[in-house]
Amino acid sequence: MTLGRIDIHFAEPWSLKKFLTDQYAAREYDRVLYSLGYKVLNDINAVTVIMPGALIGTVILTLRGRGVGRRELIRRVEWLRDRIIAKGGRVAEFGNRTTGEIVDRYALPGTHLR
């Protein structure tokens, strides 16, 4: 029995002191803080792996209360996965499972799956 999986990824380390020194030379204080925030978020996004359940949840949330058939849900999940990968994002492997098996495992009652 598999209980789940954990993916851990780390960004390249960087020096806050060097970052602030470089930024102060070019910008005012408020902009430095915004730049720091965007740098941290960018580094987080660069190493984040999107899990299958998040793909399915995202698709379901875009439906805005409308139902969706299983085949259409699978198609939309595959499309979203492909778009994320095409843009350089990371998506967790489905293992030996098909997208249909992943949908069956993660789609919950009450999601209007037909």
PDB file of N, CA and C in Angstrom:
ATOM      1  N   MET A   1       0.841  -1.175   0.000  1.00  0.00           N
ATOM      2  CA  MET A   1       0.000   0.000   0.000  1.00  0.00           C
ATOM      3  C   MET A   1       0.888   1.241   0.000  1.00  0.00           C
ATOM      4  N   THR A   2       0.634   2.132  -0.931  1.00  0.00           N
ATOM      5  CA  THR A   2       1.377   3.380  -1.005  1.00  0.00           C
ATOM      6  C   THR A   2       0.591   4.463  -0.293  1.00  0.00           C
ATOM      7  N   LEU A   3       1.238   5.157   0.613  1.00  0.00           N
ATOM      8  CA  LEU A   3       0.575   6.224   1.357  1.00  0.00           C
ATOM      9  C   LEU A   3       0.754   7.580   0.697  1.00  0.00           C
ATOM     10  N   GLY A   4       1.639   7.689  -0.238  1.00  0.00           N
ATOM     11  CA  GLY A   4       1.848   8.962  -0.917  1.00  0.00           C
ATOM     12  C   GLY A   4       3.296   9.138  -1.301  1.00  0.00           C
ATOM     13  N   ARG A   5       3.598  10.354  -1.682  1.00  0.00           N
ATOM     14  CA  ARG A   5       4.929  10.659  -2.158  1.00  0.00           C
ATOM     15  C   ARG A   5       5.285  12.079  -1.742  1.00  0.00           C
ATOM     16  N   ILE A   6       6.536  12.299  -1.462  1.00  0.00           N
ATOM     17  CA  ILE A   6       7.008  13.633  -1.118  1.00  0.00           C
ATOM     18  C   ILE A   6       8.105  14.004  -2.106  1.00  0.00           C
ATOM     19  N   ASP A   7       7.977  15.184  -2.704  1.00  0.00           N
ATOM     20  CA  ASP A   7       9.020  15.736  -3.570  1.00  0.00           C
ATOM     21  C   ASP A   7       9.606  16.949  -2.869  1.00  0.00           C
ATOM     22  N   ILE A   8      10.929  16.993  -2.766  1.00  0.00           N
ATOM     23  CA  ILE A   8      11.596  18.142  -2.170  1.00  0.00           C
ATOM     24  C   ILE A   8      12.629  18.650  -3.168  1.00  0.00           C
ATOM     25  N   HIS A   9      12.527  19.926  -3.488  1.00  0.00           N
ATOM     26  CA  HIS A   9      13.469  20.564  -4.404  1.00  0.00           C
ATOM     27  C   HIS A   9      13.972  21.843  -3.752  1.00  0.00           C
ATOM     28  N   PHE A  10      15.245  22.146  -3.957  1.00  0.00           N
ATOM     29  CA  PHE A  10      15.853  23.337  -3.396  1.00  0.00           C
ATOM     30  C   PHE A  10      16.365  24.216  -4.518  1.00  0.00           C
ATOM     31  N   ALA A  11      16.180  25.519  -4.372  1.00  0.00           N
ATOM     32  CA  ALA A  11      16.746  26.475  -5.320  1.00  0.00           C
ATOM     33  C   ALA A  11      18.222  26.664  -4.988  1.00  0.00           C
ATOM     34  N   GLU A  12      18.937  27.273  -5.914  1.00  0.00           N
ATOM     35  CA  GLU A  12      20.337  27.591  -5.651  1.00  0.00           C
ATOM     36  C   GLU A  12      20.410  28.601  -4.510  1.00  0.00           C
ATOM     37  N   PRO A  13      21.321  28.420  -3.569  1.00  0.00           N
ATOM     38  CA  PRO A  13      21.457  29.399  -2.487  1.00  0.00           C
ATOM     39  C   PRO A  13      21.938  30.741  -3.036  1.00  0.00           C
ATOM     40  N   TRP A  14      21.525  31.806  -2.394  1.00  0.00           N
ATOM     41  CA  TRP A  14      21.981  33.142  -2.785  1.00  0.00           C
ATOM     42  C   TRP A  14      22.143  33.984  -1.535  1.00  0.00           C
ATOM     43  N   SER A  15      22.958  34.996  -1.652  1.00  0.00           N
ATOM     44  CA  SER A  15      23.296  35.847  -0.513  1.00  0.00           C
ATOM     45  C   SER A  15      22.342  37.028  -0.424  1.00  0.00           C
ATOM     46  N   LEU A  16      21.663  37.151   0.704  1.00  0.00           N
ATOM     47  CA  LEU A  16      20.787  38.297   0.927  1.00  0.00           C
ATOM     48  C   LEU A  16      21.620  39.582   0.968  1.00  0.00           C
ATOM     49  N   LYS A  17      22.792  39.511   1.571  1.00  0.00           N
ATOM     50  CA  LYS A  17      23.658  40.690   1.656  1.00  0.00           C
ATOM     51  C   LYS A  17      24.054  41.166   0.253  1.00  0.00           C
ATOM     52  N   LYS A  18      24.463  40.237  -0.602  1.00  0.00           N
ATOM     53  CA  LYS A  18      24.841  40.606  -1.974  1.00  0.00           C
ATOM     54  C   LYS A  18      23.636  41.138  -2.739  1.00  0.00           C
ATOM     55  N   PHE A  19      22.496  40.499  -2.580  1.00  0.00           N
ATOM     56  CA  PHE A  19      21.286  40.946  -3.261  1.00  0.00           C
ATOM     57  C   PHE A  19      20.962  42.390  -2.876  1.00  0.00           C
ATOM     58  N   LEU A  20      20.966  42.672  -1.566  1.00  0.00           N
ATOM     59  CA  LEU A  20      20.625  44.018  -1.106  1.00  0.00           C
ATOM     60  C   LEU A  20      21.662  45.042  -1.562  1.00  0.00           C
ATOM     61  N   THR A  21      22.930  44.669  -1.520  1.00  0.00           N
ATOM     62  CA  THR A  21      23.979  45.586  -1.983  1.00  0.00           C
ATOM     63  C   THR A  21      23.792  45.908  -3.461  1.00  0.00           C
ATOM     64  N   ASP A  22      23.553  44.889  -4.273  1.00  0.00           N
ATOM     65  CA  ASP A  22      23.339  45.095  -5.706  1.00  0.00           C
ATOM     66  C   ASP A  22      22.102  45.948  -5.963  1.00  0.00           C
ATOM     67  N   GLN A  23      21.045  45.695  -5.225  1.00  0.00           N
ATOM     68  CA  GLN A  23      19.790  46.406  -5.437  1.00  0.00           C
ATOM     69  C   GLN A  23      19.860  47.863  -4.970  1.00  0.00           C
ATOM     70  N   TYR A  24      20.513  48.111  -3.834  1.00  0.00           N
ATOM     71  CA  TYR A  24      20.607  49.480  -3.315  1.00  0.00           C
ATOM     72  C   TYR A  24      21.329  50.393  -4.297  1.00  0.00           C
ATOM     73  N   ALA A  25      22.268  49.824  -5.011  1.00  0.00           N
ATOM     74  CA  ALA A  25      23.003  50.638  -5.968  1.00  0.00           C
ATOM     75  C   ALA A  25      22.095  51.106  -7.105  1.00  0.00           C
ATOM     76  N   ALA A  26      21.054  50.348  -7.381  1.00  0.00           N
ATOM     77  CA  ALA A  26      20.219  50.652  -8.539  1.00  0.00           C
ATOM     78  C   ALA A  26      18.840  51.200  -8.200  1.00  0.00           C
ATOM     79  N   ARG A  27      18.350  51.036  -6.984  1.00  0.00           N
ATOM     80  CA  ARG A  27      16.949  51.368  -6.699  1.00  0.00           C
ATOM     81  C   ARG A  27      16.760  51.969  -5.327  1.00  0.00           C
ATOM     82  N   GLU A  28      15.572  52.532  -5.123  1.00  0.00           N
ATOM     83  CA  GLU A  28      15.213  53.042  -3.808  1.00  0.00           C
ATOM     84  C   GLU A  28      14.710  51.900  -2.921  1.00  0.00           C
ATOM     85  N   TYR A  29      14.608  52.177  -1.628  1.00  0.00           N
ATOM     86  CA  TYR A  29      14.318  51.156  -0.613  1.00  0.00           C
ATOM     87  C   TYR A  29      13.049  50.353  -0.898  1.00  0.00           C
ATOM     88  N   ASP A  30      11.904  51.021  -1.206  1.00  0.00           N
ATOM     89  CA  ASP A  30      10.646  50.308  -1.451  1.00  0.00           C
ATOM     90  C   ASP A  30      10.791  49.304  -2.594  1.00  0.00           C
ATOM     91  N   ARG A  31      11.459  49.733  -3.619  1.00  0.00           N
ATOM     92  CA  ARG A  31      11.636  48.833  -4.761  1.00  0.00           C
ATOM     93  C   ARG A  31      12.537  47.655  -4.423  1.00  0.00           C
ATOM     94  N   VAL A  32      13.483  47.864  -3.537  1.00  0.00           N
ATOM     95  CA  VAL A  32      14.357  46.768  -3.102  1.00  0.00           C
ATOM     96  C   VAL A  32      13.525  45.689  -2.417  1.00  0.00           C
ATOM     97  N   LEU A  33      12.597  46.106  -1.551  1.00  0.00           N
ATOM     98  CA  LEU A  33      11.759  45.123  -0.861  1.00  0.00           C
ATOM     99  C   LEU A  33      10.874  44.362  -1.847  1.00  0.00           C
ATOM    100  N   TYR A  34      10.305  45.075  -2.813  1.00  0.00           N
ATOM    101  CA  TYR A  34       9.507  44.394  -3.833  1.00  0.00           C
ATOM    102  C   TYR A  34      10.379  43.419  -4.631  1.00  0.00           C
ATOM    103  N   SER A  35      11.567  43.846  -4.997  1.00  0.00           N
ATOM    104  CA  SER A  35      12.473  42.963  -5.744  1.00  0.00           C
ATOM    105  C   SER A  35      12.822  41.723  -4.947  1.00  0.00           C
ATOM    106  N   LEU A  36      13.060  41.903  -3.644  1.00  0.00           N
ATOM    107  CA  LEU A  36      13.363  40.766  -2.778  1.00  0.00           C
ATOM    108  C   LEU A  36      12.189  39.793  -2.748  1.00  0.00           C
ATOM    109  N   GLY A  37      10.971  40.324  -2.592  1.00  0.00           N
ATOM    110  CA  GLY A  37       9.780  39.469  -2.582  1.00  0.00           C
ATOM    111  C   GLY A  37       9.627  38.682  -3.870  1.00  0.00           C
ATOM    112  N   TYR A  38       9.812  39.370  -4.993  1.00  0.00           N
ATOM    113  CA  TYR A  38       9.693  38.684  -6.283  1.00  0.00           C
ATOM    114  C   TYR A  38      10.804  37.652  -6.481  1.00  0.00           C
ATOM    115  N   LYS A  39      11.992  37.944  -5.993  1.00  0.00           N
ATOM    116  CA  LYS A  39      13.101  36.982  -6.099  1.00  0.00           C
ATOM    117  C   LYS A  39      12.772  35.704  -5.326  1.00  0.00           C
ATOM    118  N   VAL A  40      12.279  35.871  -4.099  1.00  0.00           N
ATOM    119  CA  VAL A  40      11.939  34.704  -3.285  1.00  0.00           C
ATOM    120  C   VAL A  40      10.818  33.906  -3.947  1.00  0.00           C
ATOM    121  N   LEU A  41       9.760  34.585  -4.395  1.00  0.00           N
ATOM    122  CA  LEU A  41       8.650  33.885  -5.059  1.00  0.00           C
ATOM    123  C   LEU A  41       9.102  33.195  -6.338  1.00  0.00           C
ATOM    124  N   ASN A  42       9.954  33.849  -7.102  1.00  0.00           N
ATOM    125  CA  ASN A  42      10.458  33.247  -8.334  1.00  0.00           C
ATOM    126  C   ASN A  42      11.251  31.979  -8.038  1.00  0.00           C
ATOM    127  N   ASP A  43      12.091  32.029  -7.006  1.00  0.00           N
ATOM    128  CA  ASP A  43      12.871  30.839  -6.638  1.00  0.00           C
ATOM    129  C   ASP A  43      11.965  29.705  -6.161  1.00  0.00           C
ATOM    130  N   ILE A  44      10.932  30.034  -5.413  1.00  0.00           N
ATOM    131  CA  ILE A  44       9.973  29.014  -4.970  1.00  0.00           C
ATOM    132  C   ILE A  44       9.277  28.391  -6.176  1.00  0.00           C
ATOM    133  N   ASN A  45       8.798  29.243  -7.077  1.00  0.00           N
ATOM    134  CA  ASN A  45       8.099  28.741  -8.262  1.00  0.00           C
ATOM    135  C   ASN A  45       8.997  27.891  -9.151  1.00  0.00           C
ATOM    136  N   ALA A  46      10.280  28.236  -9.202  1.00  0.00           N
ATOM    137  CA  ALA A  46      11.204  27.508 -10.068  1.00  0.00           C
ATOM    138  C   ALA A  46      11.426  26.062  -9.622  1.00  0.00           C
ATOM    139  N   VAL A  47      11.233  25.771  -8.343  1.00  0.00           N
ATOM    140  CA  VAL A  47      11.480  24.413  -7.865  1.00  0.00           C
ATOM    141  C   VAL A  47      10.200  23.688  -7.444  1.00  0.00           C
ATOM    142  N   THR A  48       9.065  24.328  -7.600  1.00  0.00           N
ATOM    143  CA  THR A  48       7.801  23.715  -7.210  1.00  0.00           C
ATOM    144  C   THR A  48       7.388  22.653  -8.223  1.00  0.00           C
ATOM    145  N   VAL A  49       6.945  21.533  -7.719  1.00  0.00           N
ATOM    146  CA  VAL A  49       6.415  20.459  -8.561  1.00  0.00           C
ATOM    147  C   VAL A  49       4.905  20.416  -8.348  1.00  0.00           C
ATOM    148  N   ILE A  50       4.166  20.466  -9.436  1.00  0.00           N
ATOM    149  CA  ILE A  50       2.711  20.455  -9.350  1.00  0.00           C
ATOM    150  C   ILE A  50       2.233  19.015  -9.299  1.00  0.00           C
ATOM    151  N   MET A  51       1.443  18.726  -8.284  1.00  0.00           N
ATOM    152  CA  MET A  51       0.971  17.366  -8.072  1.00  0.00           C
ATOM    153  C   MET A  51      -0.300  17.107  -8.879  1.00  0.00           C
ATOM    154  N   PRO A  52      -0.593  15.839  -9.203  1.00  0.00           N
ATOM    155  CA  PRO A  52      -1.773  15.509  -9.996  1.00  0.00           C
ATOM    156  C   PRO A  52      -3.075  16.037  -9.393  1.00  0.00           C
ATOM    157  N   GLY A  53      -3.212  15.946  -8.090  1.00  0.00           N
ATOM    158  CA  GLY A  53      -4.430  16.446  -7.449  1.00  0.00           C
ATOM    159  C   GLY A  53      -4.624  17.932  -7.659  1.00  0.00           C
ATOM    160  N   ALA A  54      -3.522  18.680  -7.703  1.00  0.00           N
ATOM    161  CA  ALA A  54      -3.607  20.118  -7.945  1.00  0.00           C
ATOM    162  C   ALA A  54      -4.050  20.407  -9.376  1.00  0.00           C
ATOM    163  N   LEU A  55      -3.602  19.603 -10.328  1.00  0.00           N
ATOM    164  CA  LEU A  55      -4.054  19.762 -11.720  1.00  0.00           C
ATOM    165  C   LEU A  55      -5.562  19.564 -11.808  1.00  0.00           C
ATOM    166  N   ILE A  56      -6.040  18.489 -11.196  1.00  0.00           N
ATOM    167  CA  ILE A  56      -7.470  18.183 -11.240  1.00  0.00           C
ATOM    168  C   ILE A  56      -8.265  19.264 -10.525  1.00  0.00           C
ATOM    169  N   GLY A  57      -7.801  19.682  -9.363  1.00  0.00           N
ATOM    170  CA  GLY A  57      -8.488  20.736  -8.620  1.00  0.00           C
ATOM    171  C   GLY A  57      -8.553  22.036  -9.394  1.00  0.00           C
ATOM    172  N   THR A  58      -7.475  22.384 -10.058  1.00  0.00           N
ATOM    173  CA  THR A  58      -7.455  23.611 -10.865  1.00  0.00           C
ATOM    174  C   THR A  58      -8.469  23.545 -11.983  1.00  0.00           C
ATOM    175  N   VAL A  59      -8.520  22.424 -12.679  1.00  0.00           N
ATOM    176  CA  VAL A  59      -9.495  22.275 -13.762  1.00  0.00           C
ATOM    177  C   VAL A  59     -10.914  22.371 -13.216  1.00  0.00           C
ATOM    178  N   ILE A  60     -11.199  21.680 -12.134  1.00  0.00           N
ATOM    179  CA  ILE A  60     -12.546  21.697 -11.560  1.00  0.00           C
ATOM    180  C   ILE A  60     -12.930  23.114 -11.119  1.00  0.00           C
ATOM    181  N   LEU A  61     -11.991  23.841 -10.537  1.00  0.00           N
ATOM    182  CA  LEU A  61     -12.284  25.213 -10.101  1.00  0.00           C
ATOM    183  C   LEU A  61     -12.584  26.143 -11.273  1.00  0.00           C
ATOM    184  N   THR A  62     -12.031  25.852 -12.449  1.00  0.00           N
ATOM    185  CA  THR A  62     -12.304  26.701 -13.612  1.00  0.00           C
ATOM    186  C   THR A  62     -13.686  26.457 -14.193  1.00  0.00           C
ATOM    187  N   LEU A  63     -14.358  25.416 -13.762  1.00  0.00           N
ATOM    188  CA  LEU A  63     -15.678  25.081 -14.308  1.00  0.00           C
ATOM    189  C   LEU A  63     -16.785  25.971 -13.742  1.00  0.00           C
ATOM    190  N   ARG A  64     -16.532  26.640 -12.639  1.00  0.00           N
ATOM    191  CA  ARG A  64     -17.477  27.565 -12.013  1.00  0.00           C
ATOM    192  C   ARG A  64     -18.856  26.936 -11.786  1.00  0.00           C
ATOM    193  N   GLY A  65     -18.864  25.765 -11.168  1.00  0.00           N
ATOM    194  CA  GLY A  65     -20.121  25.131 -10.790  1.00  0.00           C
ATOM    195  C   GLY A  65     -20.761  24.276 -11.870  1.00  0.00           C
ATOM    196  N   ARG A  66     -20.220  24.297 -13.069  1.00  0.00           N
ATOM    197  CA  ARG A  66     -20.762  23.442 -14.136  1.00  0.00           C
ATOM    198  C   ARG A  66     -20.200  22.038 -13.998  1.00  0.00           C
ATOM    199  N   GLY A  67     -20.944  21.075 -14.434  1.00  0.00           N
ATOM    200  CA  GLY A  67     -20.459  19.702 -14.402  1.00  0.00           C
ATOM    201  C   GLY A  67     -19.500  19.447 -15.552  1.00  0.00           C
ATOM    202  N   VAL A  68     -18.823  18.315 -15.477  1.00  0.00           N
ATOM    203  CA  VAL A  68     -17.900  17.927 -16.537  1.00  0.00           C
ATOM    204  C   VAL A  68     -17.898  16.409 -16.613  1.00  0.00           C
ATOM    205  N   GLY A  69     -17.836  15.901 -17.821  1.00  0.00           N
ATOM    206  CA  GLY A  69     -17.729  14.463 -18.011  1.00  0.00           C
ATOM    207  C   GLY A  69     -16.312  13.985 -17.740  1.00  0.00           C
ATOM    208  N   ARG A  70     -16.190  12.713 -17.462  1.00  0.00           N
ATOM    209  CA  ARG A  70     -14.879  12.149 -17.157  1.00  0.00           C
ATOM    210  C   ARG A  70     -13.891  12.366 -18.300  1.00  0.00           C
ATOM    211  N   ARG A  71     -14.331  12.076 -19.535  1.00  0.00           N
ATOM    212  CA  ARG A  71     -13.430  12.239 -20.681  1.00  0.00           C
ATOM    213  C   ARG A  71     -12.975  13.683 -20.848  1.00  0.00           C
ATOM    214  N   GLU A  72     -13.910  14.619 -20.649  1.00  0.00           N
ATOM    215  CA  GLU A  72     -13.557  16.036 -20.777  1.00  0.00           C
ATOM    216  C   GLU A  72     -12.610  16.459 -19.660  1.00  0.00           C
ATOM    217  N   LEU A  73     -12.827  15.953 -18.456  1.00  0.00           N
ATOM    218  CA  LEU A  73     -11.928  16.266 -17.344  1.00  0.00           C
ATOM    219  C   LEU A  73     -10.529  15.743 -17.642  1.00  0.00           C
ATOM    220  N   ILE A  74     -10.432  14.532 -18.148  1.00  0.00           N
ATOM    221  CA  ILE A  74      -9.127  13.955 -18.512  1.00  0.00           C
ATOM    222  C   ILE A  74      -8.462  14.813 -19.584  1.00  0.00           C
ATOM    223  N   ARG A  75      -9.211  15.213 -20.593  1.00  0.00           N
ATOM    224  CA  ARG A  75      -8.670  16.039 -21.677  1.00  0.00           C
ATOM    225  C   ARG A  75      -8.133  17.359 -21.131  1.00  0.00           C
ATOM    226  N   ARG A  76      -8.905  17.987 -20.247  1.00  0.00           N
ATOM    227  CA  ARG A  76      -8.487  19.280 -19.697  1.00  0.00           C
ATOM    228  C   ARG A  76      -7.273  19.142 -18.782  1.00  0.00           C
ATOM    229  N   VAL A  77      -7.205  18.079 -18.004  1.00  0.00           N
ATOM    230  CA  VAL A  77      -6.051  17.846 -17.135  1.00  0.00           C
ATOM    231  C   VAL A  77      -4.802  17.631 -17.996  1.00  0.00           C
ATOM    232  N   GLU A  78      -4.920  16.844 -19.050  1.00  0.00           N
ATOM    233  CA  GLU A  78      -3.777  16.615 -19.937  1.00  0.00           C
ATOM    234  C   GLU A  78      -3.342  17.906 -20.623  1.00  0.00           C
ATOM    235  N   TRP A  79      -4.316  18.706 -21.049  1.00  0.00           N
ATOM    236  CA  TRP A  79      -3.989  19.982 -21.681  1.00  0.00           C
ATOM    237  C   TRP A  79      -3.235  20.886 -20.703  1.00  0.00           C
ATOM    238  N   LEU A  80      -3.729  21.004 -19.468  1.00  0.00           N
ATOM    239  CA  LEU A  80      -3.088  21.839 -18.463  1.00  0.00           C
ATOM    240  C   LEU A  80      -1.684  21.329 -18.156  1.00  0.00           C
ATOM    241  N   ARG A  81      -1.542  20.029 -17.977  1.00  0.00           N
ATOM    242  CA  ARG A  81      -0.217  19.435 -17.725  1.00  0.00           C
ATOM    243  C   ARG A  81       0.752  19.778 -18.860  1.00  0.00           C
ATOM    244  N   ASP A  82       0.289  19.624 -20.097  1.00  0.00           N
ATOM    245  CA  ASP A  82       1.143  19.914 -21.247  1.00  0.00           C
ATOM    246  C   ASP A  82       1.528  21.389 -21.311  1.00  0.00           C
ATOM    247  N   ARG A  83       0.604  22.277 -20.983  1.00  0.00           N
ATOM    248  CA  ARG A  83       0.886  23.724 -21.001  1.00  0.00           C
ATOM    249  C   ARG A  83       1.930  24.083 -19.938  1.00  0.00           C
ATOM    250  N   ILE A  84       1.790  23.504 -18.765  1.00  0.00           N
ATOM    251  CA  ILE A  84       2.743  23.786 -17.685  1.00  0.00           C
ATOM    252  C   ILE A  84       4.137  23.319 -18.081  1.00  0.00           C
ATOM    253  N   ILE A  85       4.235  22.124 -18.624  1.00  0.00           N
ATOM    254  CA  ILE A  85       5.529  21.584 -19.045  1.00  0.00           C
ATOM    255  C   ILE A  85       6.116  22.427 -20.178  1.00  0.00           C
ATOM    256  N   ALA A  86       5.279  22.844 -21.125  1.00  0.00           N
ATOM    257  CA  ALA A  86       5.741  23.661 -22.253  1.00  0.00           C
ATOM    258  C   ALA A  86       6.300  25.005 -21.791  1.00  0.00           C
ATOM    259  N   LYS A  87       5.788  25.509 -20.669  1.00  0.00           N
ATOM    260  CA  LYS A  87       6.263  26.791 -20.126  1.00  0.00           C
ATOM    261  C   LYS A  87       7.436  26.615 -19.160  1.00  0.00           C
ATOM    262  N   GLY A  88       7.948  25.382 -19.041  1.00  0.00           N
ATOM    263  CA  GLY A  88       9.105  25.126 -18.192  1.00  0.00           C
ATOM    264  C   GLY A  88       8.769  24.718 -16.768  1.00  0.00           C
ATOM    265  N   GLY A  89       7.488  24.510 -16.479  1.00  0.00           N
ATOM    266  CA  GLY A  89       7.089  24.083 -15.146  1.00  0.00           C
ATOM    267  C   GLY A  89       7.320  22.596 -14.942  1.00  0.00           C
ATOM    268  N   ARG A  90       7.181  22.182 -13.709  1.00  0.00           N
ATOM    269  CA  ARG A  90       7.384  20.767 -13.361  1.00  0.00           C
ATOM    270  C   ARG A  90       6.069  20.171 -12.890  1.00  0.00           C
ATOM    271  N   VAL A  91       5.757  19.009 -13.398  1.00  0.00           N
ATOM    272  CA  VAL A  91       4.560  18.277 -12.995  1.00  0.00           C
ATOM    273  C   VAL A  91       5.017  16.914 -12.504  1.00  0.00           C
ATOM    274  N   ALA A  92       4.490  16.492 -11.363  1.00  0.00           N
ATOM    275  CA  ALA A  92       4.853  15.190 -10.820  1.00  0.00           C
ATOM    276  C   ALA A  92       4.452  14.085 -11.796  1.00  0.00           C
ATOM    277  N   GLU A  93       5.267  13.075 -11.836  1.00  0.00           N
ATOM    278  CA  GLU A  93       4.966  11.915 -12.677  1.00  0.00           C
ATOM    279  C   GLU A  93       3.716  11.214 -12.168  1.00  0.00           C
ATOM    280  N   PHE A  94       2.958  10.648 -13.058  1.00  0.00           N
ATOM    281  CA  PHE A  94       1.766   9.890 -12.680  1.00  0.00           C
ATOM    282  C   PHE A  94       2.122   8.448 -12.359  1.00  0.00           C
ATOM    283  N   GLY A  95       3.404   8.141 -12.403  1.00  0.00           N
ATOM    284  CA  GLY A  95       3.826   6.765 -12.165  1.00  0.00           C
ATOM    285  C   GLY A  95       3.381   5.899 -13.329  1.00  0.00           C
ATOM    286  N   ASN A  96       2.897   4.725 -13.045  1.00  0.00           N
ATOM    287  CA  ASN A  96       2.412   3.834 -14.096  1.00  0.00           C
ATOM    288  C   ASN A  96       0.944   4.073 -14.408  1.00  0.00           C
ATOM    289  N   ARG A  97       0.355   5.086 -13.803  1.00  0.00           N
ATOM    290  CA  ARG A  97      -1.075   5.333 -13.957  1.00  0.00           C
ATOM    291  C   ARG A  97      -1.369   6.217 -15.157  1.00  0.00           C
ATOM    292  N   THR A  98      -2.504   5.966 -15.773  1.00  0.00           N
ATOM    293  CA  THR A  98      -2.977   6.829 -16.842  1.00  0.00           C
ATOM    294  C   THR A  98      -3.634   8.057 -16.223  1.00  0.00           C
ATOM    295  N   THR A  99      -3.872   9.061 -17.053  1.00  0.00           N
ATOM    296  CA  THR A  99      -4.569  10.251 -16.556  1.00  0.00           C
ATOM    297  C   THR A  99      -5.953   9.869 -16.048  1.00  0.00           C
ATOM    298  N   GLY A 100      -6.609   8.925 -16.720  1.00  0.00           N
ATOM    299  CA  GLY A 100      -7.923   8.461 -16.276  1.00  0.00           C
ATOM    300  C   GLY A 100      -7.887   7.857 -14.880  1.00  0.00           C
ATOM    301  N   GLU A 101      -6.859   7.064 -14.611  1.00  0.00           N
ATOM    302  CA  GLU A 101      -6.725   6.477 -13.274  1.00  0.00           C
ATOM    303  C   GLU A 101      -6.463   7.551 -12.222  1.00  0.00           C
ATOM    304  N   ILE A 102      -5.690   8.560 -12.592  1.00  0.00           N
ATOM    305  CA  ILE A 102      -5.423   9.667 -11.672  1.00  0.00           C
ATOM    306  C   ILE A 102      -6.710  10.428 -11.392  1.00  0.00           C
ATOM    307  N   VAL A 103      -7.485  10.692 -12.430  1.00  0.00           N
ATOM    308  CA  VAL A 103      -8.771  11.388 -12.255  1.00  0.00           C
ATOM    309  C   VAL A 103      -9.686  10.569 -11.357  1.00  0.00           C
ATOM    310  N   ASP A 104      -9.763   9.271 -11.591  1.00  0.00           N
ATOM    311  CA  ASP A 104     -10.616   8.411 -10.767  1.00  0.00           C
ATOM    312  C   ASP A 104     -10.183   8.438  -9.299  1.00  0.00           C
ATOM    313  N   ARG A 105      -8.892   8.525  -9.074  1.00  0.00           N
ATOM    314  CA  ARG A 105      -8.379   8.511  -7.702  1.00  0.00           C
ATOM    315  C   ARG A 105      -8.618   9.836  -6.978  1.00  0.00           C
ATOM    316  N   TYR A 106      -8.465  10.961  -7.692  1.00  0.00           N
ATOM    317  CA  TYR A 106      -8.507  12.262  -7.035  1.00  0.00           C
ATOM    318  C   TYR A 106      -9.846  12.987  -7.118  1.00  0.00           C
ATOM    319  N   ALA A 107     -10.633  12.735  -8.154  1.00  0.00           N
ATOM    320  CA  ALA A 107     -11.915  13.444  -8.281  1.00  0.00           C
ATOM    321  C   ALA A 107     -12.840  12.972  -7.169  1.00  0.00           C
ATOM    322  N   LEU A 108     -13.356  13.894  -6.415  1.00  0.00           N
ATOM    323  CA  LEU A 108     -14.162  13.572  -5.242  1.00  0.00           C
ATOM    324  C   LEU A 108     -15.643  13.660  -5.541  1.00  0.00           C
ATOM    325  N   PRO A 109     -16.488  12.925  -4.784  1.00  0.00           N
ATOM    326  CA  PRO A 109     -17.923  13.090  -4.940  1.00  0.00           C
ATOM    327  C   PRO A 109     -18.297  14.548  -4.689  1.00  0.00           C
ATOM    328  N   GLY A 110     -19.235  15.037  -5.462  1.00  0.00           N
ATOM    329  CA  GLY A 110     -19.648  16.430  -5.310  1.00  0.00           C
ATOM    330  C   GLY A 110     -18.931  17.366  -6.269  1.00  0.00           C
ATOM    331  N   THR A 111     -18.028  16.806  -7.133  1.00  0.00           N
ATOM    332  CA  THR A 111     -17.335  17.666  -8.077  1.00  0.00           C
ATOM    333  C   THR A 111     -18.074  17.731  -9.415  1.00  0.00           C
ATOM    334  N   HIS A 112     -19.264  17.164  -9.462  1.00  0.00           N
ATOM    335  CA  HIS A 112     -20.097  17.179 -10.661  1.00  0.00           C
ATOM    336  C   HIS A 112     -19.473  16.378 -11.798  1.00  0.00           C
ATOM    337  N   LEU A 113     -18.722  15.335 -11.460  1.00  0.00           N
ATOM    338  CA  LEU A 113     -18.115  14.478 -12.471  1.00  0.00           C
ATOM    339  C   LEU A 113     -19.193  13.567 -13.029  1.00  0.00           C
ATOM    340  N   ARG A 114     -19.412  13.629 -14.342  1.00  0.00           N
ATOM    341  CA  ARG A 114     -20.452  12.823 -14.974  1.00  0.00           C
ATOM    342  C   ARG A 114     -19.829  11.644 -15.705  1.00  0.00           C
TER     343      ARG A 114
END
